[in-house]
């Protein structure tokens, strides 16, 4: 479903601030893979997601989604392939529009628009049932403005919007990092449920090692703009934070220096 072939990306090339963010990155995800992504600060995690989404062009290499080379396509032309949830719950929704209006916009993404506007009765019932599964009481607040919701509720709405059309690939960019632990656990539970029920292919960047181990069928660790560890199957099921740290040191020859990662192991 996703092929990243030898991707390079350097920012501020030729200046004192030159930074090679992706350094010969290679990654292949099969249909239905749920892959968690971990790595220290500056490892290239979010840069990889931005490269896939087409936020800016890569210097060289190719990105294929479901067999199609999307490398030449700008960000808006990749939108039909992708669903994305960002770290900030304020991103991805329109604050001064109702929940139902936000969902209707997401459902119509990439489709031809007519002159008529309105959410039909069948649509309302569909959205109500989808929201009911979240067990957050949002099915009874569909006319509420999204800006009035809590961060966790808003992130749940964003997650539903990102997956309502069943994207080829779902990108989760530290989507629980801004939430309190209890709310973060709920949003992760919803993420697992949606990915499994829809058999989605997903990449989830996280700074929390335990979350990276507990979720998905595959874990990759990045360092210096490339994948240095790729763990799946029984090996991933038996993985612990301690073993993950040991593996990183063995492969990279150094210890993880990211305080954020080392503090986020609970």
Protein backbone atom coordinates (compact mmCIF):
# COMPACT_ATOMS: atom_id res chain seq x y z
CA UNK A 1 0.00 0.00 0.00
CA UNK A 2 2.96 2.32 0.62
CA UNK A 3 6.43 2.23 -0.91
CA UNK A 4 9.06 4.80 0.00
CA UNK A 5 12.09 4.35 -2.20
CA UNK A 6 15.41 5.95 -1.32
CA UNK A 7 14.01 9.34 -0.29
CA UNK A 8 16.32 12.27 0.42
CA UNK A 9 15.29 15.68 1.75
CA UNK A 10 17.59 18.52 2.81
CA UNK A 11 16.31 21.80 4.19
CA UNK A 12 18.12 25.16 3.79
CA UNK A 13 20.56 23.63 1.34
CA UNK A 14 23.78 25.56 0.90
CA UNK A 15 23.32 27.64 4.07
CA UNK A 16 24.74 27.42 7.58
CA UNK A 17 21.36 25.98 8.64
CA UNK A 18 21.53 23.09 6.17
CA UNK A 19 19.86 20.00 7.62
CA UNK A 20 19.50 16.61 5.93
CA UNK A 21 16.17 15.42 7.32
CA UNK A 22 15.68 12.27 5.23
CA UNK A 23 18.74 10.27 4.32
CA UNK A 24 18.02 7.45 1.86
CA UNK A 25 14.75 6.48 3.56
CA UNK A 26 13.20 3.17 2.48
CA UNK A 27 9.95 1.70 3.80
CA UNK A 28 7.27 -0.65 2.46
CA UNK A 29 3.88 -1.14 4.12
CA UNK A 30 1.59 -3.97 3.08
CA UNK A 31 -2.17 -3.54 2.87
CA UNK A 32 -3.55 -3.56 6.42
CA UNK A 33 -0.24 -2.87 8.18
CA UNK A 34 -0.52 -0.68 11.28
CA UNK A 35 3.01 0.57 11.81
CA UNK A 36 4.12 2.66 14.77
CA UNK A 37 7.08 5.02 14.29
CA UNK A 38 9.46 6.06 17.03
CA UNK A 39 12.78 7.92 17.18
CA UNK A 40 14.61 10.78 18.87
CA UNK A 41 14.24 14.47 18.12
CA UNK A 42 15.26 15.19 14.53
CA UNK A 43 15.13 11.52 13.53
CA UNK A 44 12.88 12.33 10.56
CA UNK A 45 9.52 10.98 11.79
CA UNK A 46 7.27 13.94 11.02
CA UNK A 47 9.40 14.82 8.00
CA UNK A 48 8.56 11.38 6.59
CA UNK A 49 4.83 11.98 7.10
CA UNK A 50 5.08 15.40 5.45
CA UNK A 51 6.93 13.83 2.52
CA UNK A 52 4.16 11.24 2.08
CA UNK A 53 1.48 13.94 2.30
CA UNK A 54 3.28 16.15 -0.24
CA UNK A 55 3.74 19.15 2.04
CA UNK A 56 6.88 19.84 0.00
CA UNK A 57 8.70 17.95 -2.78
CA UNK A 58 11.49 15.53 -1.93
CA UNK A 59 14.97 16.00 -3.40
CA UNK A 60 15.13 12.50 -4.87
CA UNK A 61 13.50 9.09 -4.60
CA UNK A 62 9.90 8.01 -5.07
CA UNK A 63 6.73 7.57 -3.01
CA UNK A 64 4.09 5.11 -4.21
CA UNK A 65 0.61 4.71 -2.69
CA UNK A 66 -1.32 1.63 -3.81
CA UNK A 67 1.08 1.25 -6.73
CA UNK A 68 0.75 4.85 -7.98
CA UNK A 69 3.77 7.15 -7.93
CA UNK A 70 2.50 10.24 -6.11
CA UNK A 71 5.92 11.93 -5.93
CA UNK A 72 5.07 14.56 -8.60
CA UNK A 73 1.66 15.35 -7.08
CA UNK A 74 1.11 18.44 -4.90
CA UNK A 75 -0.44 18.10 -1.45
CA UNK A 76 -4.06 18.76 -2.48
CA UNK A 77 -3.93 16.08 -5.18
CA UNK A 78 -2.75 13.46 -2.66
CA UNK A 79 -5.65 14.23 -0.29
CA UNK A 80 -7.91 11.59 -1.85
CA UNK A 81 -5.37 8.89 -0.92
CA UNK A 82 -4.74 10.00 2.64
CA UNK A 83 -6.33 10.64 6.01
CA UNK A 84 -4.27 12.57 8.55
CA UNK A 85 -4.61 13.50 12.22
CA UNK A 86 -2.18 16.03 13.68
CA UNK A 87 -0.83 16.58 17.18
CA UNK A 88 -2.86 19.76 17.71
CA UNK A 89 -6.58 18.96 18.24
CA UNK A 90 -7.36 22.40 16.75
CA UNK A 91 -5.99 21.28 13.37
CA UNK A 92 -8.20 19.33 10.99
CA UNK A 93 -11.59 20.74 11.98
CA UNK A 94 -13.45 24.03 11.46
CA UNK A 95 -14.05 25.45 14.93
CA UNK A 96 -17.06 27.64 14.13
CA UNK A 97 -18.94 24.92 12.25
CA UNK A 98 -21.14 22.24 13.79
CA UNK A 99 -19.95 18.64 14.30
CA UNK A 100 -22.35 17.42 11.62
CA UNK A 101 -21.13 20.07 9.15
CA UNK A 102 -17.49 19.08 9.71
CA UNK A 103 -18.35 15.42 9.09
CA UNK A 104 -20.34 16.30 5.96
CA UNK A 105 -17.38 18.24 4.54
CA UNK A 106 -15.06 15.27 5.19
CA UNK A 107 -17.53 12.87 3.56
CA UNK A 108 -17.62 15.03 0.43
CA UNK A 109 -13.85 15.44 0.10
CA UNK A 110 -12.70 14.82 -3.46
CA UNK A 111 -16.25 14.50 -4.78
CA UNK A 112 -17.99 16.79 -7.27
CA UNK A 113 -20.14 19.41 -5.57
CA UNK A 114 -23.57 20.45 -6.79
CA UNK A 115 -25.46 23.65 -6.05
CA UNK A 116 -27.48 22.12 -3.22
CA UNK A 117 -26.17 22.02 0.33
CA UNK A 118 -27.60 20.14 3.23
CA UNK A 119 -27.18 16.97 5.23
CA UNK A 120 -29.80 14.39 4.33
CA UNK A 121 -31.63 12.33 6.93
CA UNK A 122 -29.75 9.16 6.00
CA UNK A 123 -26.45 10.95 6.45
CA UNK A 124 -27.46 12.24 9.88
CA UNK A 125 -28.32 8.73 11.03
CA UNK A 126 -25.01 7.40 9.70
CA UNK A 127 -23.05 10.09 11.56
CA UNK A 128 -25.06 9.51 14.71
CA UNK A 129 -24.24 5.79 14.68
CA UNK A 130 -20.53 6.46 14.03
CA UNK A 131 -20.35 8.99 16.88
CA UNK A 132 -22.25 6.67 19.22
CA UNK A 133 -19.44 4.11 18.94
CA UNK A 134 -17.05 6.66 20.47
CA UNK A 135 -19.03 6.61 23.76
CA UNK A 136 -18.34 10.31 24.29
CA UNK A 137 -21.93 11.53 24.05
CA UNK A 138 -21.18 13.32 20.78
CA UNK A 139 -24.13 11.70 19.00
CA UNK A 140 -26.42 13.98 21.04
CA UNK A 141 -24.35 17.11 20.30
CA UNK A 142 -24.17 17.02 16.50
CA UNK A 143 -25.36 20.63 16.25
CA UNK A 144 -22.66 21.84 18.68
CA UNK A 145 -19.82 23.98 17.32
CA UNK A 146 -16.60 21.96 17.23
CA UNK A 147 -14.71 24.81 18.92
CA UNK A 148 -16.73 24.19 22.10
CA UNK A 149 -15.50 20.59 22.45
CA UNK A 150 -12.67 19.37 24.66
CA UNK A 151 -9.33 18.46 23.08
CA UNK A 152 -10.08 14.73 23.28
CA UNK A 153 -13.56 15.11 21.78
CA UNK A 154 -12.18 17.26 19.00
CA UNK A 155 -9.42 14.76 18.25
CA UNK A 156 -12.04 11.99 18.09
CA UNK A 157 -13.99 14.05 15.54
CA UNK A 158 -10.80 14.64 13.53
CA UNK A 159 -10.07 10.91 13.57
CA UNK A 160 -13.55 10.16 12.25
CA UNK A 161 -13.21 12.85 9.57
CA UNK A 162 -9.85 11.43 8.46
CA UNK A 163 -11.27 7.92 8.04
CA UNK A 164 -14.88 8.49 6.96
CA UNK A 165 -13.94 7.83 3.31
CA UNK A 166 -11.59 4.92 4.13
CA UNK A 167 -8.28 6.39 2.90
CA UNK A 168 -5.60 4.28 1.27
CA UNK A 169 -3.28 5.36 4.07
CA UNK A 170 -3.92 6.90 7.51
CA UNK A 171 -1.21 9.15 8.97
CA UNK A 172 -1.30 9.75 12.74
CA UNK A 173 1.26 12.40 13.69
CA UNK A 174 1.67 12.23 17.50
CA UNK A 175 -2.12 12.63 17.63
CA UNK A 176 -2.35 12.01 21.38
CA UNK A 177 0.69 14.04 22.52
CA UNK A 178 -1.36 17.13 23.47
CA UNK A 179 -3.94 15.15 25.48
CA UNK A 180 -3.99 14.11 29.12
CA UNK A 181 -3.15 10.41 29.73
CA UNK A 182 -6.76 9.25 30.21
CA UNK A 183 -8.01 11.06 27.09
CA UNK A 184 -4.98 9.92 25.11
CA UNK A 185 -5.73 6.28 26.01
CA UNK A 186 -9.33 6.73 24.81
CA UNK A 187 -8.26 8.26 21.48
CA UNK A 188 -5.74 5.42 20.97
CA UNK A 189 -8.49 2.91 21.70
CA UNK A 190 -10.68 4.60 19.07
CA UNK A 191 -7.76 4.61 16.62
CA UNK A 192 -7.25 0.85 17.07
CA UNK A 193 -10.97 0.22 16.60
CA UNK A 194 -11.30 2.28 13.42
CA UNK A 195 -8.12 0.87 11.86
CA UNK A 196 -9.11 -2.73 12.62
CA UNK A 197 -12.78 -2.45 11.59
CA UNK A 198 -11.90 -0.77 8.27
CA UNK A 199 -8.72 -2.77 7.65
CA UNK A 200 -6.81 0.47 7.14
CA UNK A 201 -3.10 0.79 6.45
CA UNK A 202 -1.71 3.24 9.02
CA UNK A 203 1.48 4.96 10.15
CA UNK A 204 1.45 6.31 13.72
CA UNK A 205 4.29 8.54 14.90
CA UNK A 206 4.59 8.58 18.68
CA UNK A 207 7.15 9.62 21.29
CA UNK A 208 5.78 7.11 23.79
CA UNK A 209 7.67 3.81 23.63
CA UNK A 210 4.99 1.81 25.43
CA UNK A 211 2.33 3.05 23.02
CA UNK A 212 4.58 2.17 20.07
CA UNK A 213 4.96 -1.37 21.42
CA UNK A 214 1.31 -1.85 22.45
CA UNK A 215 -0.31 -0.71 19.20
CA UNK A 216 -0.07 -1.98 15.66
CA UNK A 217 1.48 -5.09 14.14
CA UNK A 218 4.79 -3.47 13.30
CA UNK A 219 7.23 -0.97 14.82
CA UNK A 220 9.97 0.99 13.11
CA UNK A 221 12.59 3.19 14.74
CA UNK A 222 14.14 6.06 12.83
CA UNK A 223 17.49 7.76 13.33
CA UNK A 224 19.35 10.24 11.16
CA UNK A 225 16.59 10.31 8.54
CA UNK A 226 16.30 6.57 7.91
CA UNK A 227 14.84 3.37 9.36
CA UNK A 228 17.31 1.57 11.64
CA UNK A 229 14.94 -0.94 13.27
CA UNK A 230 11.93 -2.77 11.83
CA UNK A 231 10.18 -5.15 14.23
CA UNK A 232 6.99 -7.13 13.62
CA UNK A 233 5.18 -10.39 14.41
CA UNK A 234 6.08 -12.37 17.53
CA UNK A 235 9.19 -10.29 18.10
CA UNK A 236 7.08 -7.16 18.48
CA UNK A 237 4.59 -8.89 20.79
CA UNK A 238 7.43 -9.84 23.15
CA UNK A 239 9.14 -6.47 22.96
CA UNK A 240 9.74 -4.36 26.09
CA UNK A 241 10.96 -0.77 26.45
CA UNK A 242 14.27 -2.06 27.83
CA UNK A 243 14.81 -4.38 24.85
CA UNK A 244 13.89 -1.56 22.46
CA UNK A 245 16.48 0.74 24.03
CA UNK A 246 19.09 -2.03 23.84
CA UNK A 247 18.31 -2.68 20.18
CA UNK A 248 18.64 1.03 19.39
CA UNK A 249 22.06 1.18 21.03
CA UNK A 250 23.21 -1.95 19.19
CA UNK A 251 22.14 -0.69 15.78
CA UNK A 252 23.03 2.99 16.11
CA UNK A 253 26.10 2.68 18.34
CA UNK A 254 24.77 5.39 20.64
CA UNK A 255 22.16 5.96 23.33
CA UNK A 256 18.86 7.74 22.82
CA UNK A 257 19.40 11.37 23.76
CA UNK A 258 15.77 12.48 23.47
CA UNK A 259 14.55 13.34 26.98
CA UNK A 260 11.01 13.36 25.63
CA UNK A 261 11.25 9.71 24.59
CA UNK A 262 12.98 8.56 27.75
CA UNK A 263 10.41 10.33 29.93
CA UNK A 264 7.49 8.94 27.92
CA UNK A 265 7.90 5.27 28.71
CA UNK A 266 5.03 5.02 31.23
